[in-house]
Amino acid sequence: MEAVRMERGLKGKDVPSICLLDFDGDLTDWLVASGIARPFPTWACFHTKMYSFWVDGLEVGIVARTIGGPYAVLVAEQLLVCGAEIQLGLTSAGRIDPTLSLPSLVVATSAIRDEGTSYHYVAPAETIAANAALADCLYAGLQGLKNPVHRGRVWTTDAPYRETLQEIDENASRGALAVEMQAASLFAFAEARTARIGIVAHLTNAVDHTNEQFDKGSNENGWEIVLAMCRSVRQLLSEPTAGRVFR
């Protein structure tokens, strides 16, 4: 990151105390096009651009399309050393539990480690737990939105086109509510680096769903989810005025 700063003549190091990974990226596109989010010029990353927006006087960073465990953790490592106290992830996910409605939200409390990145950070195990305080705040803060909110285990895989019916059944038996691609990697990184990361999975599709797939609702609805996420975890910041937080 120092090399990026030197190459681009960047002086600042700090990023906002809360940063959001928008794995799909379409919401970030809408926020930028709407003028809600603007470029964060001192973000020193070769691979991504950061934008920021304001929530009740708090500046929040957002990075789009860090899909998959390796890429998500690459950016999470950089965010941590640049001052992000809390990192949040919003990801589209496939429904595993057929009793959940589409679309709905799942706050990840743990993740099945069916990927590779997590094994470079912590010892092998079937699952990895989320930060309980963050998950509790997110679950409470998302209540009352348009989408039903659940909490529980997700299944993280790095082979999206190998989500076979057999694997779906197997991971359902392990308690997975949804399948996505980042949570286990990020939770393992968080445990190893003493970082704080929370994941919200937006259930938009399922193999047994006969209506429209990948329906996340409107961009305005996505923005409401982001606002609720940011507001819910703000109380966990160690210092309300730390980093680039207030105008």
Protein backbone atom coordinates (compact mmCIF):
# COMPACT_ATOMS: atom_id res chain seq x y z
CA MET A 1 0.00 0.00 0.00
CA GLU A 2 2.96 2.30 0.59
CA ALA A 3 3.97 1.60 -3.02
CA VAL A 4 0.52 2.71 -4.22
CA ARG A 5 0.77 5.89 -2.16
CA MET A 6 4.17 6.71 -3.62
CA GLU A 7 3.06 6.00 -7.18
CA ARG A 8 -0.09 8.08 -6.89
CA GLY A 9 1.22 10.80 -4.61
CA LEU A 10 -1.28 9.98 -1.85
CA LYS A 11 -0.68 11.40 1.61
CA GLY A 12 -3.59 10.28 3.76
CA LYS A 13 -3.69 6.84 5.34
CA ASP A 14 -6.91 6.62 7.34
CA VAL A 15 -10.15 5.28 5.93
CA PRO A 16 -13.57 5.69 7.60
CA SER A 17 -14.04 3.82 10.85
CA ILE A 18 -16.86 1.78 9.27
CA CYS A 19 -16.33 0.33 5.80
CA LEU A 20 -18.77 -1.71 3.74
CA LEU A 21 -17.96 -4.40 1.16
CA ASP A 22 -20.70 -4.40 -1.49
CA PHE A 23 -19.97 -7.74 -3.11
CA ASP A 24 -22.40 -7.38 -6.03
CA GLY A 25 -21.53 -3.75 -6.73
CA ASP A 26 -24.78 -2.63 -8.34
CA LEU A 27 -25.85 -0.76 -5.22
CA THR A 28 -22.55 1.13 -5.20
CA ASP A 29 -23.11 2.03 -8.85
CA TRP A 30 -26.53 3.46 -7.96
CA LEU A 31 -25.19 5.37 -4.93
CA VAL A 32 -22.50 6.98 -7.11
CA ALA A 33 -24.92 7.77 -9.95
CA SER A 34 -27.35 9.29 -7.44
CA GLY A 35 -24.67 11.50 -5.89
CA ILE A 36 -25.01 9.81 -2.50
CA ALA A 37 -21.52 8.28 -2.62
CA ARG A 38 -18.42 10.09 -3.81
CA PRO A 39 -14.85 8.97 -4.49
CA PHE A 40 -12.59 8.54 -1.47
CA PRO A 41 -9.35 9.71 -3.10
CA THR A 42 -6.76 8.54 -0.57
CA TRP A 43 -7.66 4.83 -0.71
CA ALA A 44 -4.34 3.21 -1.64
CA CYS A 45 -5.35 -0.01 -3.38
CA PHE A 46 -4.23 -1.26 -6.80
CA HIS A 47 -7.34 -3.39 -7.25
CA THR A 48 -10.35 -1.39 -6.07
CA LYS A 49 -11.88 2.05 -5.76
CA MET A 50 -13.39 3.33 -2.54
CA TYR A 51 -16.35 5.66 -2.30
CA SER A 52 -17.85 7.14 0.83
CA PHE A 53 -21.22 8.37 2.03
CA TRP A 54 -22.55 9.94 5.21
CA VAL A 55 -24.92 8.43 7.75
CA ASP A 56 -26.06 10.81 10.49
CA GLY A 57 -22.76 12.70 10.38
CA LEU A 58 -20.65 9.54 10.16
CA GLU A 59 -18.56 8.94 7.05
CA VAL A 60 -18.70 5.34 5.79
CA GLY A 61 -16.46 3.82 3.14
CA ILE A 62 -17.77 1.43 0.50
CA VAL A 63 -15.82 -0.86 -1.84
CA ALA A 64 -17.61 -2.76 -4.60
CA ARG A 65 -17.24 -6.19 -6.23
CA THR A 66 -14.78 -7.84 -3.86
CA ILE A 67 -16.45 -11.15 -4.60
CA GLY A 68 -15.04 -14.42 -3.34
CA GLY A 69 -13.02 -15.18 -0.23
CA PRO A 70 -9.49 -14.43 -1.50
CA TYR A 71 -10.43 -11.05 -2.98
CA ALA A 72 -12.58 -10.06 0.00
CA VAL A 73 -9.78 -10.86 2.45
CA LEU A 74 -7.19 -9.05 0.33
CA VAL A 75 -9.22 -5.86 0.68
CA ALA A 76 -10.13 -6.55 4.32
CA GLU A 77 -6.43 -6.79 5.22
CA GLN A 78 -5.83 -3.40 3.63
CA LEU A 79 -8.85 -1.80 5.26
CA LEU A 80 -7.69 -3.00 8.67
CA VAL A 81 -4.22 -1.47 8.42
CA CYS A 82 -5.76 1.75 7.10
CA GLY A 83 -7.90 2.27 10.19
CA ALA A 84 -11.24 0.55 9.57
CA GLU A 85 -12.57 -0.41 13.00
CA ILE A 86 -15.61 -2.28 11.71
CA GLN A 87 -16.07 -3.93 8.33
CA LEU A 88 -19.48 -4.95 7.04
CA GLY A 89 -20.38 -7.11 4.09
CA LEU A 90 -23.61 -7.17 2.08
CA THR A 91 -23.86 -10.13 -0.27
CA SER A 92 -26.43 -11.76 -2.48
CA ALA A 93 -27.02 -15.35 -1.40
CA GLY A 94 -28.88 -18.47 -2.36
CA ARG A 95 -31.55 -19.86 -0.07
CA ILE A 96 -30.84 -23.23 1.55
CA ASP A 97 -33.63 -23.34 4.13
CA PRO A 98 -36.87 -23.63 2.11
CA THR A 99 -38.92 -22.07 4.91
CA LEU A 100 -37.30 -18.66 4.34
CA SER A 101 -39.00 -16.24 2.00
CA LEU A 102 -37.41 -14.58 -1.04
CA PRO A 103 -36.15 -11.95 -0.77
CA SER A 104 -35.13 -11.90 2.88
CA LEU A 105 -32.05 -11.15 4.98
CA VAL A 106 -29.82 -13.47 6.99
CA VAL A 107 -27.32 -12.11 9.51
CA ALA A 108 -24.50 -14.65 9.51
CA THR A 109 -23.64 -15.96 12.96
CA SER A 110 -21.27 -18.64 11.67
CA ALA A 111 -20.11 -20.07 8.35
CA ILE A 112 -19.33 -23.53 7.00
CA ARG A 113 -15.76 -23.45 5.68
CA ASP A 114 -16.19 -25.00 2.23
CA GLU A 115 -13.49 -22.78 0.72
CA GLY A 116 -9.73 -22.37 0.91
CA THR A 117 -8.87 -18.93 2.24
CA SER A 118 -9.94 -19.49 5.84
CA TYR A 119 -7.47 -22.37 6.23
CA HIS A 120 -4.56 -19.96 5.75
CA TYR A 121 -5.70 -17.93 8.77
CA VAL A 122 -6.96 -20.37 11.43
CA ALA A 123 -6.69 -24.09 12.14
CA PRO A 124 -8.96 -26.45 10.17
CA ALA A 125 -12.51 -26.85 11.45
CA GLU A 126 -15.93 -27.35 9.91
CA THR A 127 -17.22 -23.89 10.84
CA ILE A 128 -16.06 -20.46 11.96
CA ALA A 129 -18.04 -18.13 14.19
CA ALA A 130 -18.92 -14.51 13.50
CA ASN A 131 -18.33 -11.66 15.92
CA ALA A 132 -21.30 -12.14 18.25
CA ALA A 133 -21.66 -8.49 19.25
CA LEU A 134 -21.68 -7.35 15.64
CA ALA A 135 -24.15 -10.03 14.60
CA ASP A 136 -26.49 -9.11 17.46
CA CYS A 137 -26.37 -5.42 16.55
CA LEU A 138 -27.03 -6.13 12.88
CA TYR A 139 -29.95 -8.44 13.65
CA ALA A 140 -31.55 -5.89 15.95
CA GLY A 141 -30.89 -2.97 13.63
CA LEU A 142 -32.40 -4.61 10.55
CA GLN A 143 -35.76 -5.26 12.18
CA GLY A 144 -38.66 -3.33 10.74
CA LEU A 145 -37.38 -3.16 7.16
CA LYS A 146 -39.29 -4.41 4.14
CA ASN A 147 -37.47 -7.77 4.12
CA PRO A 148 -37.86 -10.42 6.84
CA VAL A 149 -34.68 -10.80 8.89
CA HIS A 150 -33.19 -14.05 10.15
CA ARG A 151 -29.89 -15.02 11.74
CA GLY A 152 -27.91 -18.21 11.60
CA ARG A 153 -25.29 -20.23 9.78
CA VAL A 154 -24.32 -19.74 6.14
CA TRP A 155 -22.41 -22.04 3.80
CA THR A 156 -19.39 -20.43 2.15
CA THR A 157 -18.15 -22.00 -1.08
CA ASP A 158 -15.53 -20.88 -3.58
CA ALA A 159 -17.01 -23.01 -6.38
CA PRO A 160 -20.37 -21.41 -7.19
CA TYR A 161 -21.09 -23.64 -10.17
CA ARG A 162 -20.62 -26.73 -8.01
CA GLU A 163 -23.51 -25.97 -5.66
CA THR A 164 -25.05 -29.34 -6.46
CA LEU A 165 -28.30 -30.65 -5.04
CA GLN A 166 -26.31 -33.15 -3.01
CA GLU A 167 -24.16 -30.41 -1.49
CA ILE A 168 -27.21 -28.26 -0.81
CA ASP A 169 -28.84 -31.11 1.09
CA GLU A 170 -25.62 -31.86 2.98
CA ASN A 171 -25.10 -28.28 4.10
CA ALA A 172 -28.77 -27.91 4.98
CA SER A 173 -28.26 -30.82 7.37
CA ARG A 174 -25.40 -28.83 8.94
CA GLY A 175 -27.76 -25.97 9.67
CA ALA A 176 -26.99 -23.63 6.77
CA LEU A 177 -29.72 -21.12 5.95
CA ALA A 178 -28.02 -19.70 2.86
CA VAL A 179 -25.01 -20.08 0.56
CA GLU A 180 -22.57 -17.32 -0.35
CA MET A 181 -18.86 -16.88 -1.11
CA GLN A 182 -17.15 -14.68 1.49
CA ALA A 183 -18.27 -15.13 5.10
CA ALA A 184 -16.02 -18.01 6.24
CA SER A 185 -12.92 -16.37 4.77
CA LEU A 186 -13.67 -13.01 6.37
CA PHE A 187 -14.58 -14.49 9.75
CA ALA A 188 -11.31 -16.46 9.83
CA PHE A 189 -9.36 -13.34 8.88
CA ALA A 190 -11.16 -11.45 11.63
CA GLU A 191 -10.28 -14.09 14.22
CA ALA A 192 -6.63 -14.19 13.20
CA ARG A 193 -6.19 -10.42 12.98
CA THR A 194 -8.51 -9.38 15.82
CA ALA A 195 -10.68 -7.52 13.36
CA ARG A 196 -14.44 -6.97 13.53
CA ILE A 197 -16.48 -8.07 10.54
CA GLY A 198 -20.22 -8.65 10.13
CA ILE A 199 -22.00 -10.18 7.14
CA VAL A 200 -25.58 -9.76 5.95
CA ALA A 201 -26.76 -12.14 3.24
CA HIS A 202 -29.54 -10.93 0.98
CA LEU A 203 -31.42 -14.06 -0.09
CA THR A 204 -32.46 -13.54 -3.69
CA ASN A 205 -32.46 -16.98 -5.37
CA ALA A 206 -32.95 -20.70 -4.81
CA VAL A 207 -32.99 -23.86 -6.87
CA ASP A 208 -36.58 -24.53 -5.82
CA HIS A 209 -37.77 -20.98 -6.50
CA THR A 210 -40.11 -20.72 -9.48
CA ASN A 211 -40.60 -16.96 -9.53
CA GLU A 212 -38.08 -14.30 -10.56
CA GLN A 213 -34.52 -15.14 -9.48
CA PHE A 214 -32.02 -12.61 -8.11
CA ASP A 215 -34.73 -10.16 -7.10
CA LYS A 216 -33.19 -7.83 -4.50
CA GLY A 217 -35.89 -5.23 -4.72
CA SER A 218 -35.26 -1.59 -5.51
CA ASN A 219 -32.00 0.29 -5.03
CA GLU A 220 -33.83 2.44 -2.49
CA ASN A 221 -34.55 -0.72 -0.51
CA GLY A 222 -30.87 -1.67 -0.70
CA TRP A 223 -29.92 1.78 0.57
CA GLU A 224 -32.29 1.35 3.52
CA ILE A 225 -30.54 -1.93 4.37
CA VAL A 226 -27.12 -0.25 4.26
CA LEU A 227 -28.30 2.64 6.44
CA ALA A 228 -29.70 0.22 9.01
CA MET A 229 -26.49 -1.81 9.02
CA CYS A 230 -24.31 1.25 9.59
CA ARG A 231 -26.55 2.71 12.28
CA SER A 232 -26.79 -0.58 14.14
CA VAL A 233 -23.01 -1.06 14.61
CA ARG A 234 -22.04 2.55 15.23
CA GLN A 235 -22.41 2.04 18.98
CA LEU A 236 -19.52 -0.44 18.83
CA LEU A 237 -16.95 2.08 17.63
CA SER A 238 -14.24 2.41 20.26
CA GLU A 239 -14.12 6.18 19.87
CA PRO A 240 -17.01 8.07 18.24
CA THR A 241 -14.60 10.63 16.83
CA ALA A 242 -11.86 8.22 15.70
CA GLY A 243 -10.53 8.42 12.15
CA ARG A 244 -12.38 10.24 9.37
CA VAL A 245 -15.81 10.30 10.93
CA PHE A 246 -17.27 13.76 11.32
CA ARG A 247 -17.35 16.82 9.07
